[in-house]
Amino acid sequence: MAVTLSLVALFGLVLFLLLRSGSLTPGGAFTAAGFGFFLASTGAAGPINDMATALIDALPNI
């Protein structure tokens, strides 16, 4: 059974765990989330999505 997990949910979980462990301050999490939103509105969003898709497609072949 293949399980598909959204990258947004995955990164959100990582940010949550870092906040809970004290490794990341709330200001750092806000900055990381803000950077993600601003990056998504630039021309770099397409190549980043293509790279993430290629990596996810390559995982079963490893």
N, C-alpha and C. Protein backbone atom coordinates (compact mmCIF):
# COMPACT_ATOMS: atom_id res chain seq x y z
N MET A 1 0.84 -1.18 0.00
CA MET A 1 0.00 0.00 0.00
C MET A 1 0.88 1.24 0.00
N ALA A 2 0.67 2.08 -0.94
CA ALA A 2 1.45 3.31 -1.04
C ALA A 2 0.78 4.39 -0.21
N VAL A 3 1.58 5.06 0.58
CA VAL A 3 1.07 6.15 1.40
C VAL A 3 1.65 7.45 0.86
N THR A 4 0.79 8.37 0.54
CA THR A 4 1.22 9.66 0.02
C THR A 4 1.08 10.70 1.13
N LEU A 5 2.15 11.43 1.36
CA LEU A 5 2.15 12.45 2.40
C LEU A 5 2.54 13.77 1.77
N SER A 6 1.78 14.77 2.02
CA SER A 6 2.05 16.08 1.47
C SER A 6 3.35 16.63 2.07
N LEU A 7 4.16 17.24 1.22
CA LEU A 7 5.39 17.85 1.72
C LEU A 7 5.11 18.98 2.69
N VAL A 8 4.00 19.66 2.49
CA VAL A 8 3.64 20.73 3.41
C VAL A 8 3.40 20.15 4.80
N ALA A 9 2.68 19.05 4.87
CA ALA A 9 2.42 18.41 6.16
C ALA A 9 3.72 17.89 6.77
N LEU A 10 4.60 17.35 5.94
CA LEU A 10 5.87 16.84 6.44
C LEU A 10 6.73 17.96 7.03
N PHE A 11 6.86 19.06 6.29
CA PHE A 11 7.65 20.18 6.80
C PHE A 11 6.99 20.82 8.01
N GLY A 12 5.67 20.86 8.02
CA GLY A 12 4.96 21.37 9.20
C GLY A 12 5.23 20.52 10.42
N LEU A 13 5.25 19.21 10.24
CA LEU A 13 5.54 18.30 11.34
C LEU A 13 6.97 18.49 11.85
N VAL A 14 7.91 18.65 10.93
CA VAL A 14 9.30 18.87 11.33
C VAL A 14 9.43 20.18 12.10
N LEU A 15 8.79 21.24 11.63
CA LEU A 15 8.83 22.51 12.36
C LEU A 15 8.20 22.37 13.74
N PHE A 16 7.09 21.64 13.82
CA PHE A 16 6.44 21.43 15.11
C PHE A 16 7.35 20.68 16.08
N LEU A 17 8.00 19.62 15.58
CA LEU A 17 8.89 18.84 16.45
C LEU A 17 10.10 19.66 16.89
N LEU A 18 10.63 20.48 16.00
CA LEU A 18 11.75 21.34 16.38
C LEU A 18 11.34 22.37 17.42
N LEU A 19 10.13 22.89 17.29
CA LEU A 19 9.63 23.83 18.30
C LEU A 19 9.45 23.14 19.64
N ARG A 20 8.89 21.94 19.63
CA ARG A 20 8.66 21.20 20.87
C ARG A 20 9.96 20.82 21.57
N SER A 21 10.99 20.50 20.79
CA SER A 21 12.25 20.08 21.39
C SER A 21 13.10 21.26 21.84
N GLY A 22 12.72 22.46 21.46
CA GLY A 22 13.49 23.63 21.86
C GLY A 22 14.63 23.94 20.92
N SER A 23 14.76 23.19 19.84
CA SER A 23 15.83 23.42 18.88
C SER A 23 15.56 24.61 17.98
N LEU A 24 14.32 25.05 17.97
CA LEU A 24 13.91 26.14 17.09
C LEU A 24 13.01 27.07 17.89
N THR A 25 13.30 28.34 17.81
CA THR A 25 12.49 29.32 18.54
C THR A 25 11.24 29.65 17.70
N PRO A 26 10.22 30.18 18.33
CA PRO A 26 9.03 30.58 17.56
C PRO A 26 9.37 31.61 16.48
N GLY A 27 10.29 32.50 16.74
CA GLY A 27 10.70 33.47 15.73
C GLY A 27 11.35 32.80 14.54
N GLY A 28 12.15 31.79 14.79
CA GLY A 28 12.79 31.03 13.71
C GLY A 28 11.77 30.27 12.88
N ALA A 29 10.76 29.70 13.54
CA ALA A 29 9.71 28.99 12.82
C ALA A 29 8.90 29.95 11.96
N PHE A 30 8.60 31.13 12.50
CA PHE A 30 7.87 32.13 11.73
C PHE A 30 8.67 32.57 10.52
N THR A 31 9.98 32.75 10.70
CA THR A 31 10.85 33.13 9.60
C THR A 31 10.89 32.04 8.53
N ALA A 32 11.00 30.78 8.95
CA ALA A 32 11.05 29.66 7.99
C ALA A 32 9.74 29.56 7.21
N ALA A 33 8.62 29.71 7.90
CA ALA A 33 7.32 29.64 7.22
C ALA A 33 7.15 30.82 6.27
N GLY A 34 7.54 32.00 6.70
CA GLY A 34 7.47 33.18 5.84
C GLY A 34 8.34 33.04 4.62
N PHE A 35 9.54 32.50 4.80
CA PHE A 35 10.44 32.28 3.67
C PHE A 35 9.80 31.33 2.67
N GLY A 36 9.15 30.29 3.16
CA GLY A 36 8.48 29.33 2.27
C GLY A 36 7.38 29.98 1.45
N PHE A 37 6.59 30.83 2.10
CA PHE A 37 5.51 31.51 1.38
C PHE A 37 6.06 32.47 0.33
N PHE A 38 7.11 33.21 0.68
CA PHE A 38 7.69 34.14 -0.28
C PHE A 38 8.40 33.40 -1.41
N LEU A 39 9.04 32.29 -1.10
CA LEU A 39 9.72 31.50 -2.13
C LEU A 39 8.72 30.91 -3.11
N ALA A 40 7.54 30.55 -2.62
CA ALA A 40 6.52 29.96 -3.49
C ALA A 40 6.00 30.95 -4.53
N SER A 41 6.14 32.24 -4.26
CA SER A 41 5.64 33.24 -5.20
C SER A 41 6.71 33.72 -6.18
N THR A 42 7.90 33.13 -6.15
CA THR A 42 8.96 33.53 -7.05
C THR A 42 9.07 32.54 -8.21
N GLY A 43 9.95 32.84 -9.12
CA GLY A 43 10.19 31.95 -10.25
C GLY A 43 10.88 30.66 -9.85
N ALA A 44 11.42 30.61 -8.64
CA ALA A 44 12.10 29.40 -8.18
C ALA A 44 11.13 28.30 -7.76
N ALA A 45 9.86 28.63 -7.63
CA ALA A 45 8.88 27.64 -7.16
C ALA A 45 8.75 26.47 -8.13
N GLY A 46 8.73 26.74 -9.43
CA GLY A 46 8.60 25.67 -10.42
C GLY A 46 9.73 24.66 -10.37
N PRO A 47 11.00 25.12 -10.46
CA PRO A 47 12.11 24.17 -10.38
C PRO A 47 12.18 23.42 -9.05
N ILE A 48 11.82 24.09 -7.95
CA ILE A 48 11.83 23.41 -6.64
C ILE A 48 10.77 22.32 -6.61
N ASN A 49 9.58 22.60 -7.14
CA ASN A 49 8.53 21.57 -7.21
C ASN A 49 8.95 20.43 -8.12
N ASP A 50 9.59 20.74 -9.24
CA ASP A 50 10.07 19.69 -10.15
C ASP A 50 11.12 18.81 -9.47
N MET A 51 12.04 19.44 -8.72
CA MET A 51 13.08 18.67 -8.02
C MET A 51 12.46 17.79 -6.95
N ALA A 52 11.50 18.31 -6.19
CA ALA A 52 10.86 17.52 -5.15
C ALA A 52 10.11 16.34 -5.76
N THR A 53 9.44 16.57 -6.88
CA THR A 53 8.72 15.50 -7.56
C THR A 53 9.68 14.42 -8.05
N ALA A 54 10.81 14.84 -8.62
CA ALA A 54 11.81 13.88 -9.10
C ALA A 54 12.38 13.06 -7.95
N LEU A 55 12.65 13.70 -6.82
CA LEU A 55 13.18 12.97 -5.66
C LEU A 55 12.16 11.97 -5.13
N ILE A 56 10.91 12.38 -5.06
CA ILE A 56 9.87 11.48 -4.56
C ILE A 56 9.67 10.31 -5.52
N ASP A 57 9.74 10.57 -6.82
CA ASP A 57 9.60 9.49 -7.80
C ASP A 57 10.78 8.54 -7.76
N ALA A 58 11.97 9.03 -7.38
CA ALA A 58 13.18 8.20 -7.34
C ALA A 58 13.27 7.34 -6.09
N LEU A 59 12.58 7.71 -5.02
CA LEU A 59 12.68 6.96 -3.76
C LEU A 59 12.32 5.48 -3.90
N PRO A 60 11.26 5.10 -4.59
CA PRO A 60 10.96 3.66 -4.69
C PRO A 60 12.01 2.87 -5.43
N ASN A 61 12.82 3.52 -6.25
CA ASN A 61 13.84 2.82 -7.04
C ASN A 61 15.15 2.61 -6.28
N ILE A 62 15.24 3.17 -5.08
CA ILE A 62 16.49 3.03 -4.31
C ILE A 62 16.52 1.69 -3.60
